[in-house]
mmCIF file of all heavy atoms, coordinates in Angstrom:
data_MODEL
# 
_entry.id   MODEL 
# 
loop_
_atom_site.group_PDB 
_atom_site.id 
_atom_site.type_symbol 
_atom_site.label_atom_id 
_atom_site.label_alt_id 
_atom_site.label_comp_id 
_atom_site.label_asym_id 
_atom_site.label_entity_id 
_atom_site.label_seq_id 
_atom_site.pdbx_PDB_ins_code 
_atom_site.Cartn_x 
_atom_site.Cartn_y 
_atom_site.Cartn_z 
_atom_site.occupancy 
_atom_site.B_iso_or_equiv 
_atom_site.pdbx_formal_charge 
_atom_site.auth_seq_id 
_atom_site.auth_comp_id 
_atom_site.auth_asym_id 
_atom_site.auth_atom_id 
_atom_site.pdbx_PDB_model_num 
ATOM 1   N N   . GLU A 1 1  ? 101.254 103.906 105.698 1.00 0.00 ? 1  GLU A N   1 
ATOM 2   C CA  . GLU A 1 1  ? 100.195 104.777 106.204 1.00 0.00 ? 1  GLU A CA  1 
ATOM 3   C C   . GLU A 1 1  ? 98.944  104.773 105.325 1.00 0.00 ? 1  GLU A C   1 
ATOM 4   O O   . GLU A 1 1  ? 97.953  105.435 105.648 1.00 0.00 ? 1  GLU A O   1 
ATOM 5   C CB  . GLU A 1 1  ? 100.704 106.215 106.376 1.00 0.00 ? 1  GLU A CB  1 
ATOM 6   C CG  . GLU A 1 1  ? 101.122 106.902 105.092 1.00 0.00 ? 1  GLU A CG  1 
ATOM 7   C CD  . GLU A 1 1  ? 102.584 106.684 104.740 1.00 0.00 ? 1  GLU A CD  1 
ATOM 8   O OE1 . GLU A 1 1  ? 103.185 105.742 105.284 1.00 0.00 ? 1  GLU A OE1 1 
ATOM 9   O OE2 . GLU A 1 1  ? 103.100 107.459 103.923 1.00 0.00 ? 1  GLU A OE2 1 
ATOM 10  N N   . ASP A 1 2  ? 98.960  104.045 104.215 1.00 0.00 ? 2  ASP A N   1 
ATOM 11  C CA  . ASP A 1 2  ? 97.797  103.991 103.330 1.00 0.00 ? 2  ASP A CA  1 
ATOM 12  C C   . ASP A 1 2  ? 96.660  103.192 103.948 1.00 0.00 ? 2  ASP A C   1 
ATOM 13  O O   . ASP A 1 2  ? 96.850  102.399 104.887 1.00 0.00 ? 2  ASP A O   1 
ATOM 14  C CB  . ASP A 1 2  ? 98.180  103.383 101.976 1.00 0.00 ? 2  ASP A CB  1 
ATOM 15  C CG  . ASP A 1 2  ? 98.899  104.373 101.077 1.00 0.00 ? 2  ASP A CG  1 
ATOM 16  O OD1 . ASP A 1 2  ? 98.908  105.579 101.405 1.00 0.00 ? 2  ASP A OD1 1 
ATOM 17  O OD2 . ASP A 1 2  ? 99.482  103.948 100.060 1.00 0.00 ? 2  ASP A OD2 1 
ATOM 18  N N   . SER A 1 3  ? 95.494  103.358 103.362 1.00 0.00 ? 3  SER A N   1 
ATOM 19  C CA  . SER A 1 3  ? 94.331  102.603 103.826 1.00 0.00 ? 3  SER A CA  1 
ATOM 20  C C   . SER A 1 3  ? 94.496  101.130 103.465 1.00 0.00 ? 3  SER A C   1 
ATOM 21  O O   . SER A 1 3  ? 95.316  100.771 102.605 1.00 0.00 ? 3  SER A O   1 
ATOM 22  C CB  . SER A 1 3  ? 93.064  103.153 103.176 1.00 0.00 ? 3  SER A CB  1 
ATOM 23  O OG  . SER A 1 3  ? 93.094  102.920 101.777 1.00 0.00 ? 3  SER A OG  1 
ATOM 24  N N   . ALA A 1 4  ? 93.713  100.280 104.094 1.00 0.00 ? 4  ALA A N   1 
ATOM 25  C CA  . ALA A 1 4  ? 93.769  98.843  103.821 1.00 0.00 ? 4  ALA A CA  1 
ATOM 26  C C   . ALA A 1 4  ? 93.434  98.557  102.359 1.00 0.00 ? 4  ALA A C   1 
ATOM 27  O O   . ALA A 1 4  ? 94.024  97.670  101.732 1.00 0.00 ? 4  ALA A O   1 
ATOM 28  C CB  . ALA A 1 4  ? 92.804  98.100  104.743 1.00 0.00 ? 4  ALA A CB  1 
ATOM 29  N N   . GLU A 1 5  ? 92.523  99.326  101.806 1.00 0.00 ? 5  GLU A N   1 
ATOM 30  C CA  . GLU A 1 5  ? 92.133  99.136  100.397 1.00 0.00 ? 5  GLU A CA  1 
ATOM 31  C C   . GLU A 1 5  ? 93.296  99.462  99.469  1.00 0.00 ? 5  GLU A C   1 
ATOM 32  O O   . GLU A 1 5  ? 93.561  98.730  98.504  1.00 0.00 ? 5  GLU A O   1 
ATOM 33  C CB  . GLU A 1 5  ? 90.932  100.025 100.079 1.00 0.00 ? 5  GLU A CB  1 
ATOM 34  C CG  . GLU A 1 5  ? 90.385  99.841  98.667  1.00 0.00 ? 5  GLU A CG  1 
ATOM 35  C CD  . GLU A 1 5  ? 89.204  100.740 98.376  1.00 0.00 ? 5  GLU A CD  1 
ATOM 36  O OE1 . GLU A 1 5  ? 88.716  101.436 99.294  1.00 0.00 ? 5  GLU A OE1 1 
ATOM 37  O OE2 . GLU A 1 5  ? 88.762  100.750 97.210  1.00 0.00 ? 5  GLU A OE2 1 
ATOM 38  N N   . GLU A 1 6  ? 93.994  100.571 99.743  1.00 0.00 ? 6  GLU A N   1 
ATOM 39  C CA  . GLU A 1 6  ? 95.138  100.959 98.915  1.00 0.00 ? 6  GLU A CA  1 
ATOM 40  C C   . GLU A 1 6  ? 96.285  99.966  99.084  1.00 0.00 ? 6  GLU A C   1 
ATOM 41  O O   . GLU A 1 6  ? 96.971  99.624  98.111  1.00 0.00 ? 6  GLU A O   1 
ATOM 42  C CB  . GLU A 1 6  ? 95.602  102.372 99.277  1.00 0.00 ? 6  GLU A CB  1 
ATOM 43  C CG  . GLU A 1 6  ? 94.648  103.460 98.821  1.00 0.00 ? 6  GLU A CG  1 
ATOM 44  C CD  . GLU A 1 6  ? 95.088  104.843 99.260  1.00 0.00 ? 6  GLU A CD  1 
ATOM 45  O OE1 . GLU A 1 6  ? 95.484  104.986 100.443 1.00 0.00 ? 6  GLU A OE1 1 
ATOM 46  O OE2 . GLU A 1 6  ? 95.035  105.777 98.437  1.00 0.00 ? 6  GLU A OE2 1 
ATOM 47  N N   . GLN A 1 7  ? 96.489  99.503  100.287 1.00 0.00 ? 7  GLN A N   1 
ATOM 48  C CA  . GLN A 1 7  ? 97.552  98.531  100.528 1.00 0.00 ? 7  GLN A CA  1 
ATOM 49  C C   . GLN A 1 7  ? 97.278  97.219  99.800  1.00 0.00 ? 7  GLN A C   1 
ATOM 50  O O   . GLN A 1 7  ? 98.202  96.562  99.322  1.00 0.00 ? 7  GLN A O   1 
ATOM 51  C CB  . GLN A 1 7  ? 97.714  98.287  102.028 1.00 0.00 ? 7  GLN A CB  1 
ATOM 52  C CG  . GLN A 1 7  ? 98.359  99.445  102.754 1.00 0.00 ? 7  GLN A CG  1 
ATOM 53  C CD  . GLN A 1 7  ? 98.520  99.189  104.233 1.00 0.00 ? 7  GLN A CD  1 
ATOM 54  O OE1 . GLN A 1 7  ? 97.915  98.273  104.790 1.00 0.00 ? 7  GLN A OE1 1 
ATOM 55  N NE2 . GLN A 1 7  ? 99.342  99.997  104.898 1.00 0.00 ? 7  GLN A NE2 1 
ATOM 56  N N   . GLU A 1 8  ? 96.019  96.861  99.707  1.00 0.00 ? 8  GLU A N   1 
ATOM 57  C CA  . GLU A 1 8  ? 95.657  95.633  98.985  1.00 0.00 ? 8  GLU A CA  1 
ATOM 58  C C   . GLU A 1 8  ? 96.056  95.734  97.510  1.00 0.00 ? 8  GLU A C   1 
ATOM 59  O O   . GLU A 1 8  ? 96.481  94.743  96.906  1.00 0.00 ? 8  GLU A O   1 
ATOM 60  C CB  . GLU A 1 8  ? 94.156  95.378  99.112  1.00 0.00 ? 8  GLU A CB  1 
ATOM 61  C CG  . GLU A 1 8  ? 93.706  94.051  98.528  1.00 0.00 ? 8  GLU A CG  1 
ATOM 62  C CD  . GLU A 1 8  ? 92.227  93.794  98.714  1.00 0.00 ? 8  GLU A CD  1 
ATOM 63  O OE1 . GLU A 1 8  ? 91.578  94.523  99.485  1.00 0.00 ? 8  GLU A OE1 1 
ATOM 64  O OE2 . GLU A 1 8  ? 91.716  92.851  98.082  1.00 0.00 ? 8  GLU A OE2 1 
ATOM 65  N N   . LEU A 1 9  ? 95.942  96.947  96.956  1.00 0.00 ? 9  LEU A N   1 
ATOM 66  C CA  . LEU A 1 9  ? 96.330  97.176  95.560  1.00 0.00 ? 9  LEU A CA  1 
ATOM 67  C C   . LEU A 1 9  ? 97.852  97.265  95.404  1.00 0.00 ? 9  LEU A C   1 
ATOM 68  O O   . LEU A 1 9  ? 98.352  97.339  94.287  1.00 0.00 ? 9  LEU A O   1 
ATOM 69  C CB  . LEU A 1 9  ? 95.701  98.468  95.034  1.00 0.00 ? 9  LEU A CB  1 
ATOM 70  C CG  . LEU A 1 9  ? 94.210  98.418  94.697  1.00 0.00 ? 9  LEU A CG  1 
ATOM 71  C CD1 . LEU A 1 9  ? 93.707  99.804  94.325  1.00 0.00 ? 9  LEU A CD1 1 
ATOM 72  C CD2 . LEU A 1 9  ? 93.950  97.441  93.545  1.00 0.00 ? 9  LEU A CD2 1 
ATOM 73  N N   . ALA A 1 10 ? 98.578  97.270  96.526  1.00 0.00 ? 10 ALA A N   1 
ATOM 74  C CA  . ALA A 1 10 ? 100.031 97.389  96.488  1.00 0.00 ? 10 ALA A CA  1 
ATOM 75  C C   . ALA A 1 10 ? 100.711 96.082  96.890  1.00 0.00 ? 10 ALA A C   1 
ATOM 76  O O   . ALA A 1 10 ? 101.896 96.078  97.208  1.00 0.00 ? 10 ALA A O   1 
ATOM 77  C CB  . ALA A 1 10 ? 100.478 98.517  97.402  1.00 0.00 ? 10 ALA A CB  1 
ATOM 78  N N   . VAL A 1 11 ? 99.958  94.980  96.864  1.00 0.00 ? 11 VAL A N   1 
ATOM 79  C CA  . VAL A 1 11 ? 100.510 93.666  97.186  1.00 0.00 ? 11 VAL A CA  1 
ATOM 80  C C   . VAL A 1 11 ? 100.403 92.769  95.955  1.00 0.00 ? 11 VAL A C   1 
ATOM 81  O O   . VAL A 1 11 ? 99.342  92.679  95.330  1.00 0.00 ? 11 VAL A O   1 
ATOM 82  C CB  . VAL A 1 11 ? 99.782  93.021  98.384  1.00 0.00 ? 11 VAL A CB  1 
ATOM 83  C CG1 . VAL A 1 11 ? 100.279 91.594  98.601  1.00 0.00 ? 11 VAL A CG1 1 
ATOM 84  C CG2 . VAL A 1 11 ? 99.984  93.856  99.635  1.00 0.00 ? 11 VAL A CG2 1 
ATOM 85  N N   . ILE A 1 12 ? 101.522 92.132  95.608  1.00 0.00 ? 12 ILE A N   1 
ATOM 86  C CA  . ILE A 1 12 ? 101.584 91.276  94.416  1.00 0.00 ? 12 ILE A CA  1 
ATOM 87  C C   . ILE A 1 12 ? 101.739 89.825  94.859  1.00 0.00 ? 12 ILE A C   1 
ATOM 88  O O   . ILE A 1 12 ? 102.608 89.501  95.670  1.00 0.00 ? 12 ILE A O   1 
ATOM 89  C CB  . ILE A 1 12 ? 102.784 91.679  93.525  1.00 0.00 ? 12 ILE A CB  1 
ATOM 90  C CG1 . ILE A 1 12 ? 102.651 93.138  93.088  1.00 0.00 ? 12 ILE A CG1 1 
ATOM 91  C CG2 . ILE A 1 12 ? 102.891 90.748  92.310  1.00 0.00 ? 12 ILE A CG2 1 
ATOM 92  C CD1 . ILE A 1 12 ? 103.912 93.700  92.454  1.00 0.00 ? 12 ILE A CD1 1 
ATOM 93  N N   . GLN A 1 13 ? 100.876 88.969  94.301  1.00 0.00 ? 13 GLN A N   1 
ATOM 94  C CA  . GLN A 1 13 ? 101.019 87.540  94.567  1.00 0.00 ? 13 GLN A CA  1 
ATOM 95  C C   . GLN A 1 13 ? 101.784 86.904  93.415  1.00 0.00 ? 13 GLN A C   1 
ATOM 96  O O   . GLN A 1 13 ? 101.385 86.993  92.263  1.00 0.00 ? 13 GLN A O   1 
ATOM 97  C CB  . GLN A 1 13 ? 99.652  86.863  94.714  1.00 0.00 ? 13 GLN A CB  1 
ATOM 98  C CG  . GLN A 1 13 ? 99.769  85.375  95.023  1.00 0.00 ? 13 GLN A CG  1 
ATOM 99  C CD  . GLN A 1 13 ? 98.427  84.689  95.161  1.00 0.00 ? 13 GLN A CD  1 
ATOM 100 O OE1 . GLN A 1 13 ? 97.374  85.320  95.015  1.00 0.00 ? 13 GLN A OE1 1 
ATOM 101 N NE2 . GLN A 1 13 ? 98.443  83.388  95.431  1.00 0.00 ? 13 GLN A NE2 1 
ATOM 102 N N   . PHE A 1 14 ? 102.899 86.263  93.781  1.00 0.00 ? 14 PHE A N   1 
ATOM 103 C CA  . PHE A 1 14 ? 103.700 85.559  92.785  1.00 0.00 ? 14 PHE A CA  1 
ATOM 104 C C   . PHE A 1 14 ? 103.927 84.150  93.315  1.00 0.00 ? 14 PHE A C   1 
ATOM 105 O O   . PHE A 1 14 ? 104.645 83.953  94.292  1.00 0.00 ? 14 PHE A O   1 
ATOM 106 C CB  . PHE A 1 14 ? 105.031 86.262  92.540  1.00 0.00 ? 14 PHE A CB  1 
ATOM 107 C CG  . PHE A 1 14 ? 105.910 85.580  91.541  1.00 0.00 ? 14 PHE A CG  1 
ATOM 108 C CD1 . PHE A 1 14 ? 105.474 85.340  90.244  1.00 0.00 ? 14 PHE A CD1 1 
ATOM 109 C CD2 . PHE A 1 14 ? 107.183 85.146  91.901  1.00 0.00 ? 14 PHE A CD2 1 
ATOM 110 C CE1 . PHE A 1 14 ? 106.292 84.700  89.324  1.00 0.00 ? 14 PHE A CE1 1 
ATOM 111 C CE2 . PHE A 1 14 ? 108.001 84.508  90.989  1.00 0.00 ? 14 PHE A CE2 1 
ATOM 112 C CZ  . PHE A 1 14 ? 107.551 84.275  89.693  1.00 0.00 ? 14 PHE A CZ  1 
ATOM 113 N N   . GLY A 1 15 ? 103.294 83.200  92.660  1.00 0.00 ? 15 GLY A N   1 
ATOM 114 C CA  . GLY A 1 15 ? 103.317 81.828  93.181  1.00 0.00 ? 15 GLY A CA  1 
ATOM 115 C C   . GLY A 1 15 ? 102.543 81.785  94.478  1.00 0.00 ? 15 GLY A C   1 
ATOM 116 O O   . GLY A 1 15 ? 101.408 82.257  94.567  1.00 0.00 ? 15 GLY A O   1 
ATOM 117 N N   . LYS A 1 16 ? 103.145 81.249  95.527  1.00 0.00 ? 16 LYS A N   1 
ATOM 118 C CA  . LYS A 1 16 ? 102.493 81.166  96.829  1.00 0.00 ? 16 LYS A CA  1 
ATOM 119 C C   . LYS A 1 16 ? 102.937 82.268  97.778  1.00 0.00 ? 16 LYS A C   1 
ATOM 120 O O   . LYS A 1 16 ? 102.580 82.259  98.956  1.00 0.00 ? 16 LYS A O   1 
ATOM 121 C CB  . LYS A 1 16 ? 102.788 79.801  97.450  1.00 0.00 ? 16 LYS A CB  1 
ATOM 122 C CG  . LYS A 1 16 ? 102.191 78.628  96.668  1.00 0.00 ? 16 LYS A CG  1 
ATOM 123 C CD  . LYS A 1 16 ? 102.490 77.300  97.361  1.00 0.00 ? 16 LYS A CD  1 
ATOM 124 C CE  . LYS A 1 16 ? 101.874 76.147  96.588  1.00 0.00 ? 16 LYS A CE  1 
ATOM 125 N NZ  . LYS A 1 16 ? 102.129 74.836  97.259  1.00 0.00 ? 16 LYS A NZ  1 
ATOM 126 N N   . ARG A 1 17 ? 103.682 83.233  97.245  1.00 0.00 ? 17 ARG A N   1 
ATOM 127 C CA  . ARG A 1 17 ? 104.187 84.308  98.095  1.00 0.00 ? 17 ARG A CA  1 
ATOM 128 C C   . ARG A 1 17 ? 103.563 85.648  97.718  1.00 0.00 ? 17 ARG A C   1 
ATOM 129 O O   . ARG A 1 17 ? 103.110 85.849  96.592  1.00 0.00 ? 17 ARG A O   1 
ATOM 130 C CB  . ARG A 1 17 ? 105.710 84.402  98.000  1.00 0.00 ? 17 ARG A CB  1 
ATOM 131 C CG  . ARG A 1 17 ? 106.433 83.184  98.573  1.00 0.00 ? 17 ARG A CG  1 
ATOM 132 C CD  . ARG A 1 17 ? 107.918 83.423  98.596  1.00 0.00 ? 17 ARG A CD  1 
ATOM 133 N NE  . ARG A 1 17 ? 108.633 82.309  99.206  1.00 0.00 ? 17 ARG A NE  1 
ATOM 134 C CZ  . ARG A 1 17 ? 109.926 82.284  99.431  1.00 0.00 ? 17 ARG A CZ  1 
ATOM 135 N NH1 . ARG A 1 17 ? 110.677 83.334  99.078  1.00 0.00 ? 17 ARG A NH1 1 
ATOM 136 N NH2 . ARG A 1 17 ? 110.514 81.239  99.982  1.00 0.00 ? 17 ARG A NH2 1 
ATOM 137 N N   . TYR A 1 18 ? 103.612 86.559  98.691  1.00 0.00 ? 18 TYR A N   1 
ATOM 138 C CA  . TYR A 1 18 ? 103.085 87.904  98.485  1.00 0.00 ? 18 TYR A CA  1 
ATOM 139 C C   . TYR A 1 18 ? 104.219 88.909  98.678  1.00 0.00 ? 18 TYR A C   1 
ATOM 140 O O   . TYR A 1 18 ? 105.015 88.785  99.615  1.00 0.00 ? 18 TYR A O   1 
ATOM 141 C CB  . TYR A 1 18 ? 101.947 88.195  99.464  1.00 0.00 ? 18 TYR A CB  1 
ATOM 142 C CG  . TYR A 1 18 ? 100.709 87.361  99.214  1.00 0.00 ? 18 TYR A CG  1 
ATOM 143 C CD1 . TYR A 1 18 ? 100.588 86.092  99.790  1.00 0.00 ? 18 TYR A CD1 1 
ATOM 144 C CD2 . TYR A 1 18 ? 99.679  87.835  98.408  1.00 0.00 ? 18 TYR A CD2 1 
ATOM 145 C CE1 . TYR A 1 18 ? 99.464  85.318  99.558  1.00 0.00 ? 18 TYR A CE1 1 
ATOM 146 C CE2 . TYR A 1 18 ? 98.550  87.070  98.169  1.00 0.00 ? 18 TYR A CE2 1 
ATOM 147 C CZ  . TYR A 1 18 ? 98.444  85.802  98.753  1.00 0.00 ? 18 TYR A CZ  1 
ATOM 148 O OH  . TYR A 1 18 ? 97.338  85.044  98.509  1.00 0.00 ? 18 TYR A OH  1 
ATOM 149 N N   . TYR A 1 19 ? 104.255 89.906  97.791  1.00 0.00 ? 19 TYR A N   1 
ATOM 150 C CA  . TYR A 1 19 ? 105.313 90.914  97.821  1.00 0.00 ? 19 TYR A CA  1 
ATOM 151 C C   . TYR A 1 19 ? 104.691 92.309  97.796  1.00 0.00 ? 19 TYR A C   1 
ATOM 152 O O   . TYR A 1 19 ? 103.698 92.546  97.105  1.00 0.00 ? 19 TYR A O   1 
ATOM 153 C CB  . TYR A 1 19 ? 106.251 90.762  96.619  1.00 0.00 ? 19 TYR A CB  1 
ATOM 154 C CG  . TYR A 1 19 ? 106.920 89.411  96.529  1.00 0.00 ? 19 TYR A CG  1 
ATOM 155 C CD1 . TYR A 1 19 ? 106.305 88.346  95.866  1.00 0.00 ? 19 TYR A CD1 1 
ATOM 156 C CD2 . TYR A 1 19 ? 108.170 89.197  97.107  1.00 0.00 ? 19 TYR A CD2 1 
ATOM 157 C CE1 . TYR A 1 19 ? 106.931 87.101  95.784  1.00 0.00 ? 19 TYR A CE1 1 
ATOM 158 C CE2 . TYR A 1 19 ? 108.799 87.963  97.030  1.00 0.00 ? 19 TYR A CE2 1 
ATOM 159 C CZ  . TYR A 1 19 ? 108.169 86.925  96.369  1.00 0.00 ? 19 TYR A CZ  1 
ATOM 160 O OH  . TYR A 1 19 ? 108.785 85.692  96.290  1.00 0.00 ? 19 TYR A OH  1 
ATOM 161 N N   . THR A 1 20 ? 105.308 93.226  98.564  1.00 0.00 ? 20 THR A N   1 
ATOM 162 C CA  . THR A 1 20 ? 104.835 94.613  98.513  1.00 0.00 ? 20 THR A CA  1 
ATOM 163 C C   . THR A 1 20 ? 105.418 95.291  97.269  1.00 0.00 ? 20 THR A C   1 
ATOM 164 O O   . THR A 1 20 ? 106.563 95.060  96.900  1.00 0.00 ? 20 THR A O   1 
ATOM 165 C CB  . THR A 1 20 ? 105.247 95.389  99.776  1.00 0.00 ? 20 THR A CB  1 
ATOM 166 O OG1 . THR A 1 20 ? 106.660 95.289  99.941  1.00 0.00 ? 20 THR A OG1 1 
ATOM 167 C CG2 . THR A 1 20 ? 104.534 94.835  100.992 1.00 0.00 ? 20 THR A CG2 1 
ATOM 168 N N   . SER A 1 21 ? 104.619 96.129  96.674  1.00 0.00 ? 21 SER A N   1 
ATOM 169 C CA  . SER A 1 21 ? 105.012 96.796  95.431  1.00 0.00 ? 21 SER A CA  1 
ATOM 170 C C   . SER A 1 21 ? 105.871 98.026  95.714  1.00 0.00 ? 21 SER A C   1 
ATOM 171 O O   . SER A 1 21 ? 105.520 98.856  96.556  1.00 0.00 ? 21 SER A O   1 
ATOM 172 C CB  . SER A 1 21 ? 103.760 97.217  94.655  1.00 0.00 ? 21 SER A CB  1 
ATOM 173 O OG  . SER A 1 21 ? 104.087 98.023  93.554  1.00 0.00 ? 21 SER A OG  1 
ATOM 174 N N   . ASN A 1 22 ? 106.998 98.154  95.007  1.00 0.00 ? 22 ASN A N   1 
ATOM 175 C CA  . ASN A 1 22 ? 107.849 99.349  95.130  1.00 0.00 ? 22 ASN A CA  1 
ATOM 176 C C   . ASN A 1 22 ? 107.850 100.171 93.840  1.00 0.00 ? 22 ASN A C   1 
ATOM 177 O O   . ASN A 1 22 ? 108.802 100.865 93.511  1.00 0.00 ? 22 ASN A O   1 
ATOM 178 C CB  . ASN A 1 22 ? 109.278 98.976  95.528  1.00 0.00 ? 22 ASN A CB  1 
ATOM 179 C CG  . ASN A 1 22 ? 109.906 97.985  94.562  1.00 0.00 ? 22 ASN A CG  1 
ATOM 180 O OD1 . ASN A 1 22 ? 109.304 97.632  93.545  1.00 0.00 ? 22 ASN A OD1 1 
ATOM 181 N ND2 . ASN A 1 22 ? 111.101 97.538  94.878  1.00 0.00 ? 22 ASN A ND2 1 
ATOM 182 N N   . GLY A 1 23 ? 106.737 100.066 93.115  1.00 0.00 ? 23 GLY A N   1 
ATOM 183 C CA  . GLY A 1 23 ? 106.504 100.856 91.913  1.00 0.00 ? 23 GLY A CA  1 
ATOM 184 C C   . GLY A 1 23 ? 105.004 100.922 91.679  1.00 0.00 ? 23 GLY A C   1 
ATOM 185 O O   . GLY A 1 23 ? 104.213 100.545 92.542  1.00 0.00 ? 23 GLY A O   1 
ATOM 186 N N   . ILE A 1 24 ? 104.604 101.390 90.503  1.00 0.00 ? 24 ILE A N   1 
ATOM 187 C CA  . ILE A 1 24 ? 103.181 101.399 90.151  1.00 0.00 ? 24 ILE A CA  1 
ATOM 188 C C   . ILE A 1 24 ? 103.011 100.783 88.759  1.00 0.00 ? 24 ILE A C   1 
ATOM 189 O O   . ILE A 1 24 ? 103.912 100.870 87.919  1.00 0.00 ? 24 ILE A O   1 
ATOM 190 C CB  . ILE A 1 24 ? 102.578 102.813 90.174  1.00 0.00 ? 24 ILE A CB  1 
ATOM 191 C CG1 . ILE A 1 24 ? 103.288 103.739 89.171  1.00 0.00 ? 24 ILE A CG1 1 
ATOM 192 C CG2 . ILE A 1 24 ? 102.613 103.393 91.576  1.00 0.00 ? 24 ILE A CG2 1 
ATOM 193 C CD1 . ILE A 1 24 ? 102.630 105.116 89.041  1.00 0.00 ? 24 ILE A CD1 1 
# 
């Protein structure tokens, strides 16, 4: 439910993949 800007800060790029963050 977060804004697109906040969600962008909650995505981690590792190698060629992207992962959603489950911490801060």
